[in-house]
Amino acid sequence: MASNDKQGQPGVSLAGAVDLGALKHQVDAEPGQAGGAPAAGGYVIDTTEAGFQAMVQTSTTFPILLLLWVPTDDRLFPLATKLGQAVNAQEGKIQLSRIDIASNPQIAQTFQVQGAPALFALLAGRPMPILEGLPTDEELTQITDQLIPQVIQMAQKAGITGTAPYQETGQDGSSTDDQDAQAQTVPPSHQEADRLAREGDYAGAAQAYAKVMEADPGDDLARREHAKALLMSRSASADVRQVRQAAADAPDDLDAQLAVADVDMLGGQIQDAFDRLLDFLGGHRDQMEPVRQRLLEYFSIPEPADPRLVNARRRLSTMMY
C-alpha cells in the first residue's frame, strides 16, 4: 500500500486536498436525500464540536474511523459511501464518525488539515493519520479491505474490544442513535447531567447525577448514569495496555485491579470485570469495602435481569456473610 506513514502507522499516499471553495461541486440536498450524500446509520455517526470530546473518549471502548469531510461536496460521496459500507460490514467492531469541517472548523484546526477529505483512526483517543485528499480507486480499496481490519486488530491487541452502538436511519435520511433517542426522553431533572456527559465532562456529570439521586434516592436511571459517568471520568483516557500490564505486574495491588476492572467494564467485558474483583476479594478479604463499593457501582449498569449481574450479586453476598 502506498503510504504517508507517520510514526510507523498505516496510511495512504497523499493526494491534493479538495478546495472547499469549489462551488460547482456543491449540492443543496441533505445527507440521505435524493442527490445528497449518504446518510448516517448503522455504525456510521455524524459528530459536531459539541460532541467531539465525548466521541474521542469512546475510542477507549472501540476503535473509530474519523472522516473529516464536507457533506455538500459531491466529490466526497463515493468515499463516504465506501467507508460506511466497509465499517457497517464489521458489525460494531469499529465506528465511522463523520465531521463536517466547513461547519466545525475548529476540529480541522485540531487535526491540522488544510481541507477535505482527511481520514484518521482513533485508538484510545490517539489519532493515526491515514489519508488527506481524494484517494484513487486502488487506495480506497486498500483502505476498506486491508486497513480497516488492520485498525481493528491493533485495537484488539491494545485491549480495546468493545462494540459500537447501532443506530437506525430515519425515512427522511436523518440518523437516530441511542444518544439522540435518549436526548428526547431525558427527564427534566437529568438534563444538566446529561448535557455535561454529552460534552465529555464526566466528572461534572457524575456530580450532577449524585444531586439527582440525593433528591430522589429511588431514581434508578440516575443511579445507572451516575455509575457510567464515574467509570468514564476515571478511565476514559486510560492507556489500556499500561493498565493491564500494571495489573499483571501487581496482582495484589487493589488500585491496579480496580483500574483494570474499569477497563473491562468500558470495553463491555462485564463478566471479566465482575470476576476479576470477586476473585481478588477471595484472597484479600481485608479489602472488602472498597471492592464492594466498586462492584455495587458496576451492578447499577447492566439490566437487573442480566444473568451476569444475578450471579455476581449472589457470589458477593456469599463472600460477605
C-alpha atoms as a PDB file:
ATOM      1  CA  MET A   1       0.000   0.000   0.000  1.00  0.00           C
ATOM      2  CA  ALA A   2       1.250   3.471  -0.824  1.00  0.00           C
ATOM      3  CA  SER A   3       1.715   5.255   2.463  1.00  0.00           C
ATOM      4  CA  ASN A   4       2.056   8.633   4.158  1.00  0.00           C
ATOM      5  CA  ASP A   5       3.227   6.792   7.280  1.00  0.00           C
ATOM      6  CA  LYS A   6       3.568   8.947  10.351  1.00  0.00           C
ATOM      7  CA  GLN A   7       5.158   7.334  13.387  1.00  0.00           C
ATOM      8  CA  GLY A   8       5.040   3.965  11.635  1.00  0.00           C
ATOM      9  CA  GLN A   9       1.249   3.890  11.354  1.00  0.00           C
ATOM     10  CA  PRO A  10      -0.599   2.527   8.311  1.00  0.00           C
ATOM     11  CA  GLY A  11      -1.509   5.129   5.740  1.00  0.00           C
ATOM     12  CA  VAL A  12      -2.353   6.015   2.166  1.00  0.00           C
ATOM     13  CA  SER A  13      -0.366   8.373  -0.063  1.00  0.00           C
ATOM     14  CA  LEU A  14      -1.492  11.974  -0.048  1.00  0.00           C
ATOM     15  CA  ALA A  15      -3.443  13.401  -2.926  1.00  0.00           C
ATOM     16  CA  GLY A  16      -4.252  17.069  -3.486  1.00  0.00           C
ATOM     17  CA  ALA A  17      -6.647  18.319  -0.810  1.00  0.00           C
ATOM     18  CA  VAL A  18     -10.073  19.295  -2.092  1.00  0.00           C
ATOM     19  CA  ASP A  19     -10.690  23.039  -2.320  1.00  0.00           C
ATOM     20  CA  LEU A  20     -13.639  23.961  -0.134  1.00  0.00           C
ATOM     21  CA  GLY A  21     -14.393  26.844  -2.443  1.00  0.00           C
ATOM     22  CA  ALA A  22     -15.110  24.685  -5.486  1.00  0.00           C
ATOM     23  CA  LEU A  23     -18.754  25.681  -5.622  1.00  0.00           C
ATOM     24  CA  LYS A  24     -19.516  23.769  -8.795  1.00  0.00           C
ATOM     25  CA  HIS A  25     -19.308  20.572  -6.769  1.00  0.00           C
ATOM     26  CA  GLN A  26     -21.692  21.747  -4.039  1.00  0.00           C
ATOM     27  CA  VAL A  27     -25.166  20.245  -3.726  1.00  0.00           C
ATOM     28  CA  ASP A  28     -28.141  21.542  -1.774  1.00  0.00           C
ATOM     29  CA  ALA A  29     -29.524  18.146  -0.749  1.00  0.00           C
ATOM     30  CA  GLU A  30     -29.026  16.989   2.824  1.00  0.00           C
ATOM     31  CA  PRO A  31     -27.364  13.621   3.528  1.00  0.00           C
ATOM     32  CA  GLY A  32     -29.872  10.870   2.816  1.00  0.00           C
ATOM     33  CA  GLN A  33     -31.950  12.969   0.423  1.00  0.00           C
ATOM     34  CA  ALA A  34     -32.057  12.428  -3.339  1.00  0.00           C
ATOM     35  CA  GLY A  35     -28.837  13.731  -4.852  1.00  0.00           C
ATOM     36  CA  GLY A  36     -27.228  14.167  -1.460  1.00  0.00           C
ATOM     37  CA  ALA A  37     -24.513  12.416   0.493  1.00  0.00           C
ATOM     38  CA  PRO A  38     -25.101   9.025   2.122  1.00  0.00           C
ATOM     39  CA  ALA A  39     -26.954   9.316   5.426  1.00  0.00           C
ATOM     40  CA  ALA A  40     -25.522   8.207   8.728  1.00  0.00           C
ATOM     41  CA  GLY A  41     -26.842   4.955  10.119  1.00  0.00           C
ATOM     42  CA  GLY A  42     -25.737   1.550  11.298  1.00  0.00           C
ATOM     43  CA  TYR A  43     -22.274   2.137  12.729  1.00  0.00           C
ATOM     44  CA  VAL A  44     -21.845   5.497  10.982  1.00  0.00           C
ATOM     45  CA  ILE A  45     -22.460   8.663  13.011  1.00  0.00           C
ATOM     46  CA  ASP A  46     -22.169  12.406  12.417  1.00  0.00           C
ATOM     47  CA  THR A  47     -20.273  14.364  15.072  1.00  0.00           C
ATOM     48  CA  THR A  48     -20.078  18.094  15.812  1.00  0.00           C
ATOM     49  CA  GLU A  49     -17.790  20.163  18.018  1.00  0.00           C
ATOM     50  CA  ALA A  50     -20.269  19.797  20.896  1.00  0.00           C
ATOM     51  CA  GLY A  51     -19.956  16.017  20.899  1.00  0.00           C
ATOM     52  CA  PHE A  52     -16.368  15.768  19.713  1.00  0.00           C
ATOM     53  CA  GLN A  53     -14.716  15.191  23.095  1.00  0.00           C
ATOM     54  CA  ALA A  54     -17.248  12.536  24.062  1.00  0.00           C
ATOM     55  CA  MET A  55     -16.674  10.792  20.730  1.00  0.00           C
ATOM     56  CA  VAL A  56     -12.915  10.786  21.285  1.00  0.00           C
ATOM     57  CA  GLN A  57     -13.433   9.322  24.751  1.00  0.00           C
ATOM     58  CA  THR A  58     -15.419   6.406  23.327  1.00  0.00           C
ATOM     59  CA  SER A  59     -12.374   5.382  21.276  1.00  0.00           C
ATOM     60  CA  THR A  60     -11.114   3.792  24.500  1.00  0.00           C
ATOM     61  CA  THR A  61     -14.002   1.342  24.158  1.00  0.00           C
ATOM     62  CA  PHE A  62     -13.991   0.654  20.407  1.00  0.00           C
ATOM     63  CA  PRO A  63     -11.852   1.962  17.520  1.00  0.00           C
ATOM     64  CA  ILE A  64     -13.150   4.877  15.465  1.00  0.00           C
ATOM     65  CA  LEU A  65     -12.507   5.826  11.869  1.00  0.00           C
ATOM     66  CA  LEU A  66     -12.757   9.617  11.682  1.00  0.00           C
ATOM     67  CA  LEU A  67     -13.703  11.203   8.348  1.00  0.00           C
ATOM     68  CA  LEU A  68     -13.247  14.968   8.045  1.00  0.00           C
ATOM     69  CA  TRP A  69     -15.368  15.960   5.062  1.00  0.00           C
ATOM     70  CA  VAL A  70     -17.886  18.407   3.617  1.00  0.00           C
ATOM     71  CA  PRO A  71     -21.242  16.638   3.168  1.00  0.00           C
ATOM     72  CA  THR A  72     -22.355  19.011   0.398  1.00  0.00           C
ATOM     73  CA  ASP A  73     -19.351  18.279  -1.869  1.00  0.00           C
ATOM     74  CA  ASP A  74     -20.386  15.553  -4.311  1.00  0.00           C
ATOM     75  CA  ARG A  75     -16.774  14.525  -4.956  1.00  0.00           C
ATOM     76  CA  LEU A  76     -16.675  13.048  -1.452  1.00  0.00           C
ATOM     77  CA  PHE A  77     -19.843  10.959  -1.725  1.00  0.00           C
ATOM     78  CA  PRO A  78     -18.187   7.797  -3.137  1.00  0.00           C
ATOM     79  CA  LEU A  79     -15.556   7.886  -0.373  1.00  0.00           C
ATOM     80  CA  ALA A  80     -18.166   8.297   2.363  1.00  0.00           C
ATOM     81  CA  THR A  81     -20.319   5.564   0.844  1.00  0.00           C
ATOM     82  CA  LYS A  82     -17.495   3.023   0.580  1.00  0.00           C
ATOM     83  CA  LEU A  83     -16.204   3.772   4.070  1.00  0.00           C
ATOM     84  CA  GLY A  84     -19.700   3.454   5.527  1.00  0.00           C
ATOM     85  CA  GLN A  85     -20.287   0.119   3.814  1.00  0.00           C
ATOM     86  CA  ALA A  86     -16.938  -1.248   4.971  1.00  0.00           C
ATOM     87  CA  VAL A  87     -17.462  -0.124   8.578  1.00  0.00           C
ATOM     88  CA  ASN A  88     -21.033  -1.447   8.732  1.00  0.00           C
ATOM     89  CA  ALA A  89     -19.786  -4.803   7.460  1.00  0.00           C
ATOM     90  CA  GLN A  90     -17.667  -5.079  10.628  1.00  0.00           C
ATOM     91  CA  GLU A  91     -20.866  -5.115  12.739  1.00  0.00           C
ATOM     92  CA  GLY A  92     -19.715  -2.860  15.556  1.00  0.00           C
ATOM     93  CA  LYS A  93     -16.031  -3.713  15.734  1.00  0.00           C
ATOM     94  CA  ILE A  94     -15.333  -0.168  14.526  1.00  0.00           C
ATOM     95  CA  GLN A  95     -17.332   3.043  14.133  1.00  0.00           C
ATOM     96  CA  LEU A  96     -17.167   5.691  11.402  1.00  0.00           C
ATOM     97  CA  SER A  97     -17.532   9.217  12.760  1.00  0.00           C
ATOM     98  CA  ARG A  98     -18.042  11.912  10.103  1.00  0.00           C
ATOM     99  CA  ILE A  99     -17.342  15.585  10.838  1.00  0.00           C
ATOM    100  CA  ASP A 100     -18.329  18.457   8.572  1.00  0.00           C
ATOM    101  CA  ILE A 101     -15.240  20.684   8.762  1.00  0.00           C
ATOM    102  CA  ALA A 102     -16.996  23.546   6.983  1.00  0.00           C
ATOM    103  CA  SER A 103     -19.408  23.761   9.923  1.00  0.00           C
ATOM    104  CA  ASN A 104     -16.843  22.674  12.536  1.00  0.00           C
ATOM    105  CA  PRO A 105     -13.577  24.388  11.530  1.00  0.00           C
ATOM    106  CA  GLN A 106     -12.023  24.062  14.978  1.00  0.00           C
ATOM    107  CA  ILE A 107     -11.813  20.312  14.531  1.00  0.00           C
ATOM    108  CA  ALA A 108      -9.970  20.725  11.224  1.00  0.00           C
ATOM    109  CA  GLN A 109      -7.516  23.001  13.030  1.00  0.00           C
ATOM    110  CA  THR A 110      -7.119  20.447  15.809  1.00  0.00           C
ATOM    111  CA  PHE A 111      -6.016  17.835  13.281  1.00  0.00           C
ATOM    112  CA  GLN A 112      -4.014  20.381  11.253  1.00  0.00           C
ATOM    113  CA  VAL A 113      -5.665  19.517   7.963  1.00  0.00           C
ATOM    114  CA  GLN A 114      -5.918  22.004   5.108  1.00  0.00           C
ATOM    115  CA  GLY A 115      -9.076  20.673   3.503  1.00  0.00           C
ATOM    116  CA  ALA A 116     -11.383  17.752   2.957  1.00  0.00           C
ATOM    117  CA  PRO A 117     -11.260  14.839   2.915  1.00  0.00           C
ATOM    118  CA  ALA A 118      -8.964  13.659   5.662  1.00  0.00           C
ATOM    119  CA  LEU A 119      -9.148  10.306   7.385  1.00  0.00           C
ATOM    120  CA  PHE A 120      -7.811   9.247  10.785  1.00  0.00           C
ATOM    121  CA  ALA A 121      -8.116   6.220  13.038  1.00  0.00           C
ATOM    122  CA  LEU A 122      -8.694   6.870  16.741  1.00  0.00           C
ATOM    123  CA  LEU A 123      -7.476   4.332  19.297  1.00  0.00           C
ATOM    124  CA  ALA A 124      -7.817   5.278  22.959  1.00  0.00           C
ATOM    125  CA  GLY A 125      -8.014   8.937  21.970  1.00  0.00           C
ATOM    126  CA  ARG A 126      -4.858   8.816  19.867  1.00  0.00           C
ATOM    127  CA  PRO A 127      -5.175   9.815  16.196  1.00  0.00           C
ATOM    128  CA  MET A 128      -3.422   7.852  13.459  1.00  0.00           C
ATOM    129  CA  PRO A 129      -3.290   9.728  10.129  1.00  0.00           C
ATOM    130  CA  ILE A 130      -4.450   7.645   7.182  1.00  0.00           C
ATOM    131  CA  LEU A 131      -5.395   9.950   4.331  1.00  0.00           C
ATOM    132  CA  GLU A 132      -5.551  13.588   3.287  1.00  0.00           C
ATOM    133  CA  GLY A 133      -7.008  14.231  -0.149  1.00  0.00           C
ATOM    134  CA  LEU A 134      -9.073  12.130  -2.513  1.00  0.00           C
ATOM    135  CA  PRO A 135      -7.793   8.548  -2.804  1.00  0.00           C
ATOM    136  CA  THR A 136      -7.502   6.654  -6.037  1.00  0.00           C
ATOM    137  CA  ASP A 137      -9.830   3.683  -6.528  1.00  0.00           C
ATOM    138  CA  GLU A 138      -6.960   1.349  -5.653  1.00  0.00           C
ATOM    139  CA  GLU A 139      -6.125   3.249  -2.475  1.00  0.00           C
ATOM    140  CA  LEU A 140      -9.770   3.288  -1.401  1.00  0.00           C
ATOM    141  CA  THR A 141      -9.964  -0.467  -1.884  1.00  0.00           C
ATOM    142  CA  GLN A 142      -6.830  -0.865   0.248  1.00  0.00           C
ATOM    143  CA  ILE A 143      -8.429   1.218   2.996  1.00  0.00           C
ATOM    144  CA  THR A 144     -11.705  -0.724   3.027  1.00  0.00           C
ATOM    145  CA  ASP A 145     -10.284  -4.214   2.512  1.00  0.00           C
ATOM    146  CA  GLN A 146      -6.967  -4.064   4.352  1.00  0.00           C
ATOM    147  CA  LEU A 147      -6.551  -1.032   6.558  1.00  0.00           C
ATOM    148  CA  ILE A 148      -9.873  -1.136   8.426  1.00  0.00           C
ATOM    149  CA  PRO A 149      -9.350  -4.781   9.518  1.00  0.00           C
ATOM    150  CA  GLN A 150      -5.777  -3.835  10.461  1.00  0.00           C
ATOM    151  CA  VAL A 151      -7.020  -0.992  12.707  1.00  0.00           C
ATOM    152  CA  ILE A 152      -9.447  -3.398  14.386  1.00  0.00           C
ATOM    153  CA  GLN A 153      -6.628  -5.873  15.033  1.00  0.00           C
ATOM    154  CA  MET A 154      -4.449  -3.121  16.506  1.00  0.00           C
ATOM    155  CA  ALA A 155      -7.295  -2.095  18.803  1.00  0.00           C
ATOM    156  CA  GLN A 156      -7.867  -5.651  19.969  1.00  0.00           C
ATOM    157  CA  LYS A 157      -4.182  -6.100  20.746  1.00  0.00           C
ATOM    158  CA  ALA A 158      -4.394  -2.946  22.869  1.00  0.00           C
ATOM    159  CA  GLY A 159      -7.383  -4.350  24.779  1.00  0.00           C
ATOM    160  CA  ILE A 160      -9.919  -2.105  23.012  1.00  0.00           C
ATOM    161  CA  THR A 161     -12.544  -4.738  22.300  1.00  0.00           C
ATOM    162  CA  GLY A 162     -15.928  -3.103  22.918  1.00  0.00           C
ATOM    163  CA  THR A 163     -18.781  -2.898  20.416  1.00  0.00           C
ATOM    164  CA  ALA A 164     -20.004   0.361  18.894  1.00  0.00           C
ATOM    165  CA  PRO A 165     -23.725   1.155  19.331  1.00  0.00           C
ATOM    166  CA  TYR A 166     -26.014   0.593  16.347  1.00  0.00           C
ATOM    167  CA  GLN A 167     -28.164   3.449  15.094  1.00  0.00           C
ATOM    168  CA  GLU A 168     -31.184   3.468  12.828  1.00  0.00           C
ATOM    169  CA  THR A 169     -31.676   5.785   9.865  1.00  0.00           C
ATOM    170  CA  GLY A 170     -34.986   7.609   9.619  1.00  0.00           C
ATOM    171  CA  GLN A 171     -37.100   7.636   6.488  1.00  0.00           C
ATOM    172  CA  ASP A 172     -36.117  11.267   5.897  1.00  0.00           C
ATOM    173  CA  GLY A 173     -32.447  10.291   5.928  1.00  0.00           C
ATOM    174  CA  SER A 174     -31.797  11.608   9.411  1.00  0.00           C
ATOM    175  CA  SER A 175     -29.999   9.347  11.856  1.00  0.00           C
ATOM    176  CA  THR A 176     -31.244   8.458  15.305  1.00  0.00           C
ATOM    177  CA  ASP A 177     -28.721   6.744  17.542  1.00  0.00           C
ATOM    178  CA  ASP A 178     -29.006   5.740  21.162  1.00  0.00           C
ATOM    179  CA  GLN A 179     -27.854   9.162  22.350  1.00  0.00           C
ATOM    180  CA  ASP A 180     -30.350  11.011  20.140  1.00  0.00           C
ATOM    181  CA  ALA A 181     -33.170   8.815  21.375  1.00  0.00           C
ATOM    182  CA  GLN A 182     -32.065   9.351  24.945  1.00  0.00           C
ATOM    183  CA  ALA A 183     -31.974  13.128  24.433  1.00  0.00           C
ATOM    184  CA  GLN A 184     -35.663  13.096  23.545  1.00  0.00           C
ATOM    185  CA  THR A 185     -36.605  11.236  26.726  1.00  0.00           C
ATOM    186  CA  VAL A 186     -34.234  12.732  29.309  1.00  0.00           C
ATOM    187  CA  PRO A 187     -36.194  13.602  32.474  1.00  0.00           C
ATOM    188  CA  PRO A 188     -36.084  17.325  33.324  1.00  0.00           C
ATOM    189  CA  SER A 189     -34.077  16.672  36.480  1.00  0.00           C
ATOM    190  CA  HIS A 190     -31.429  14.830  34.428  1.00  0.00           C
ATOM    191  CA  GLN A 191     -30.930  17.396  31.687  1.00  0.00           C
ATOM    192  CA  GLU A 192     -27.926  19.204  33.181  1.00  0.00           C
ATOM    193  CA  ALA A 193     -26.126  15.944  33.957  1.00  0.00           C
ATOM    194  CA  ASP A 194     -26.966  14.589  30.513  1.00  0.00           C
ATOM    195  CA  ARG A 195     -25.617  17.748  28.862  1.00  0.00           C
ATOM    196  CA  LEU A 196     -22.341  17.513  30.790  1.00  0.00           C
ATOM    197  CA  ALA A 197     -21.920  13.859  29.827  1.00  0.00           C
ATOM    198  CA  ARG A 198     -22.534  14.631  26.154  1.00  0.00           C
ATOM    199  CA  GLU A 199     -19.888  17.363  26.319  1.00  0.00           C
ATOM    200  CA  GLY A 200     -17.366  14.929  27.792  1.00  0.00           C
ATOM    201  CA  ASP A 201     -17.368  16.400  31.322  1.00  0.00           C
ATOM    202  CA  TYR A 202     -17.930  13.065  33.025  1.00  0.00           C
ATOM    203  CA  ALA A 203     -16.782  14.201  36.460  1.00  0.00           C
ATOM    204  CA  GLY A 204     -19.262  17.075  36.320  1.00  0.00           C
ATOM    205  CA  ALA A 205     -21.972  14.729  35.068  1.00  0.00           C
ATOM    206  CA  ALA A 206     -21.325  12.339  37.964  1.00  0.00           C
ATOM    207  CA  GLN A 207     -21.729  15.196  40.452  1.00  0.00           C
ATOM    208  CA  ALA A 208     -24.931  16.326  38.784  1.00  0.00           C
ATOM    209  CA  TYR A 209     -26.379  12.810  38.824  1.00  0.00           C
ATOM    210  CA  ALA A 210     -25.400  12.488  42.503  1.00  0.00           C
ATOM    211  CA  LYS A 211     -27.551  15.541  43.250  1.00  0.00           C
ATOM    212  CA  VAL A 212     -30.457  13.943  41.390  1.00  0.00           C
ATOM    213  CA  MET A 213     -30.038  10.798  43.490  1.00  0.00           C
ATOM    214  CA  GLU A 214     -29.987  12.846  46.698  1.00  0.00           C
ATOM    215  CA  ALA A 215     -33.310  14.401  45.739  1.00  0.00           C
ATOM    216  CA  ASP A 216     -34.785  11.071  44.648  1.00  0.00           C
ATOM    217  CA  PRO A 217     -32.994   8.001  46.079  1.00  0.00           C
ATOM    218  CA  GLY A 218     -35.300   5.734  44.055  1.00  0.00           C
ATOM    219  CA  ASP A 219     -34.222   7.123  40.680  1.00  0.00           C
ATOM    220  CA  ASP A 220     -32.643   4.008  39.160  1.00  0.00           C
ATOM    221  CA  LEU A 221     -31.886   5.738  35.855  1.00  0.00           C
ATOM    222  CA  ALA A 222     -29.872   8.410  37.646  1.00  0.00           C
ATOM    223  CA  ARG A 223     -28.049   5.689  39.563  1.00  0.00           C
ATOM    224  CA  ARG A 224     -27.126   3.895  36.328  1.00  0.00           C
ATOM    225  CA  GLU A 225     -25.994   7.072  34.574  1.00  0.00           C
ATOM    226  CA  HIS A 226     -24.061   8.145  37.682  1.00  0.00           C
ATOM    227  CA  ALA A 227     -22.153   4.866  37.617  1.00  0.00           C
ATOM    228  CA  LYS A 228     -21.389   5.270  33.918  1.00  0.00           C
ATOM    229  CA  ALA A 229     -20.176   8.826  34.425  1.00  0.00           C
ATOM    230  CA  LEU A 230     -17.900   7.794  37.298  1.00  0.00           C
ATOM    231  CA  LEU A 231     -16.498   4.993  35.173  1.00  0.00           C
ATOM    232  CA  MET A 232     -15.794   7.319  32.260  1.00  0.00           C
ATOM    233  CA  SER A 233     -14.295  10.039  34.473  1.00  0.00           C
ATOM    234  CA  ARG A 234     -11.839   7.549  35.984  1.00  0.00           C
ATOM    235  CA  SER A 235     -10.811   5.571  32.958  1.00  0.00           C
ATOM    236  CA  ALA A 236     -11.958   7.015  29.621  1.00  0.00           C
ATOM    237  CA  SER A 237      -8.470   8.357  28.870  1.00  0.00           C
ATOM    238  CA  ALA A 238      -6.543   5.451  30.385  1.00  0.00           C
ATOM    239  CA  ASP A 239      -3.833   3.693  28.388  1.00  0.00           C
ATOM    240  CA  VAL A 240      -5.392   0.243  28.213  1.00  0.00           C
ATOM    241  CA  ARG A 241      -2.127  -1.569  27.622  1.00  0.00           C
ATOM    242  CA  GLN A 242      -0.413   0.101  30.585  1.00  0.00           C
ATOM    243  CA  VAL A 243      -3.375  -0.565  32.868  1.00  0.00           C
ATOM    244  CA  ARG A 244      -3.430  -4.252  32.002  1.00  0.00           C
ATOM    245  CA  GLN A 245       0.333  -4.559  32.403  1.00  0.00           C
ATOM    246  CA  ALA A 246       0.213  -2.846  35.802  1.00  0.00           C
ATOM    247  CA  ALA A 247      -2.482  -5.252  36.972  1.00  0.00           C
ATOM    248  CA  ALA A 248      -0.489  -8.254  35.756  1.00  0.00           C
ATOM    249  CA  ASP A 249       2.665  -6.982  37.477  1.00  0.00           C
ATOM    250  CA  ALA A 250       0.908  -6.310  40.791  1.00  0.00           C
ATOM    251  CA  PRO A 251      -1.851  -8.903  41.313  1.00  0.00           C
ATOM    252  CA  ASP A 252      -2.160  -7.956  44.999  1.00  0.00           C
ATOM    253  CA  ASP A 253      -2.444  -4.201  44.396  1.00  0.00           C
ATOM    254  CA  LEU A 254      -6.016  -3.030  44.922  1.00  0.00           C
ATOM    255  CA  ASP A 255      -5.793   0.120  42.813  1.00  0.00           C
ATOM    256  CA  ALA A 256      -4.276  -1.774  39.892  1.00  0.00           C
ATOM    257  CA  GLN A 257      -7.067  -4.357  39.959  1.00  0.00           C
ATOM    258  CA  LEU A 258      -9.773  -1.691  40.250  1.00  0.00           C
ATOM    259  CA  ALA A 259      -8.265   0.134  37.275  1.00  0.00           C
ATOM    260  CA  VAL A 260      -8.192  -2.912  35.041  1.00  0.00           C
ATOM    261  CA  ALA A 261     -11.744  -3.826  36.070  1.00  0.00           C
ATOM    262  CA  ASP A 262     -12.768  -0.336  34.931  1.00  0.00           C
ATOM    263  CA  VAL A 263     -11.126  -1.014  31.578  1.00  0.00           C
ATOM    264  CA  ASP A 264     -13.056  -4.282  31.313  1.00  0.00           C
ATOM    265  CA  MET A 265     -16.344  -2.518  32.004  1.00  0.00           C
ATOM    266  CA  LEU A 266     -15.594   0.209  29.466  1.00  0.00           C
ATOM    267  CA  GLY A 267     -14.843  -2.458  26.884  1.00  0.00           C
ATOM    268  CA  GLY A 268     -18.142  -4.201  27.530  1.00  0.00           C
ATOM    269  CA  GLN A 269     -16.416  -7.145  29.226  1.00  0.00           C
ATOM    270  CA  ILE A 270     -18.793  -7.121  32.168  1.00  0.00           C
ATOM    271  CA  GLN A 271     -18.229 -10.721  33.204  1.00  0.00           C
ATOM    272  CA  ASP A 272     -14.456 -10.201  33.250  1.00  0.00           C
ATOM    273  CA  ALA A 273     -14.826  -7.103  35.430  1.00  0.00           C
ATOM    274  CA  PHE A 274     -17.071  -8.902  37.918  1.00  0.00           C
ATOM    275  CA  ASP A 275     -14.867 -11.994  38.046  1.00  0.00           C
ATOM    276  CA  ARG A 276     -11.670 -10.007  38.412  1.00  0.00           C
ATOM    277  CA  LEU A 277     -12.834  -8.154  41.511  1.00  0.00           C
ATOM    278  CA  LEU A 278     -14.590 -11.134  43.058  1.00  0.00           C
ATOM    279  CA  ASP A 279     -11.523 -13.325  42.511  1.00  0.00           C
ATOM    280  CA  PHE A 280      -9.348 -10.609  44.037  1.00  0.00           C
ATOM    281  CA  LEU A 281     -11.672 -10.377  47.008  1.00  0.00           C
ATOM    282  CA  GLY A 282     -11.362 -14.102  47.589  1.00  0.00           C
ATOM    283  CA  GLY A 283      -7.727 -13.650  48.596  1.00  0.00           C
ATOM    284  CA  HIS A 284      -7.987 -10.153  50.066  1.00  0.00           C
ATOM    285  CA  ARG A 285     -10.905 -10.079  52.479  1.00  0.00           C
ATOM    286  CA  ASP A 286      -9.326  -7.080  54.205  1.00  0.00           C
ATOM    287  CA  GLN A 287     -10.139  -5.077  51.068  1.00  0.00           C
ATOM    288  CA  MET A 288     -13.832  -5.960  51.217  1.00  0.00           C
ATOM    289  CA  GLU A 289     -15.282  -2.454  51.477  1.00  0.00           C
ATOM    290  CA  PRO A 290     -13.568  -0.698  48.521  1.00  0.00           C
ATOM    291  CA  VAL A 291     -14.153  -3.719  46.297  1.00  0.00           C
ATOM    292  CA  ARG A 292     -17.774  -3.989  47.407  1.00  0.00           C
ATOM    293  CA  GLN A 293     -18.354  -0.304  46.691  1.00  0.00           C
ATOM    294  CA  ARG A 294     -16.887  -0.600  43.193  1.00  0.00           C
ATOM    295  CA  LEU A 295     -18.952  -3.719  42.487  1.00  0.00           C
ATOM    296  CA  LEU A 296     -22.135  -2.029  43.672  1.00  0.00           C
ATOM    297  CA  GLU A 297     -21.363   0.785  41.251  1.00  0.00           C
ATOM    298  CA  TYR A 298     -20.884  -1.724  38.433  1.00  0.00           C
ATOM    299  CA  PHE A 299     -24.102  -3.522  39.421  1.00  0.00           C
ATOM    300  CA  SER A 300     -26.066  -0.384  38.535  1.00  0.00           C
ATOM    301  CA  ILE A 301     -25.054  -0.564  34.867  1.00  0.00           C
ATOM    302  CA  PRO A 302     -26.464  -3.859  33.419  1.00  0.00           C
ATOM    303  CA  GLU A 303     -30.164  -4.622  33.245  1.00  0.00           C
ATOM    304  CA  PRO A 304     -31.430  -6.083  36.559  1.00  0.00           C
ATOM    305  CA  ALA A 305     -32.236  -9.451  34.956  1.00  0.00           C
ATOM    306  CA  ASP A 306     -28.795  -9.840  33.363  1.00  0.00           C
ATOM    307  CA  PRO A 307     -27.593 -13.306  34.480  1.00  0.00           C
ATOM    308  CA  ARG A 308     -24.050 -11.990  34.900  1.00  0.00           C
ATOM    309  CA  LEU A 309     -25.354  -9.483  37.417  1.00  0.00           C
ATOM    310  CA  VAL A 310     -27.518 -12.035  39.231  1.00  0.00           C
ATOM    311  CA  ASN A 311     -24.610 -14.447  39.611  1.00  0.00           C
ATOM    312  CA  ALA A 312     -22.162 -11.737  40.682  1.00  0.00           C
ATOM    313  CA  ARG A 313     -24.572 -10.443  43.342  1.00  0.00           C
ATOM    314  CA  ARG A 314     -25.025 -13.943  44.700  1.00  0.00           C
ATOM    315  CA  ARG A 315     -21.287 -14.552  44.784  1.00  0.00           C
ATOM    316  CA  LEU A 316     -20.620 -11.260  46.572  1.00  0.00           C
ATOM    317  CA  SER A 317     -23.291 -11.982  49.173  1.00  0.00           C
ATOM    318  CA  THR A 318     -21.751 -15.383  49.847  1.00  0.00           C
ATOM    319  CA  MET A 319     -18.326 -13.836  50.372  1.00  0.00           C
ATOM    320  CA  MET A 320     -19.662 -11.137  52.682  1.00  0.00           C
ATOM    321  CA  TYR A 321     -21.532 -13.431  55.053  1.00  0.00           C
END
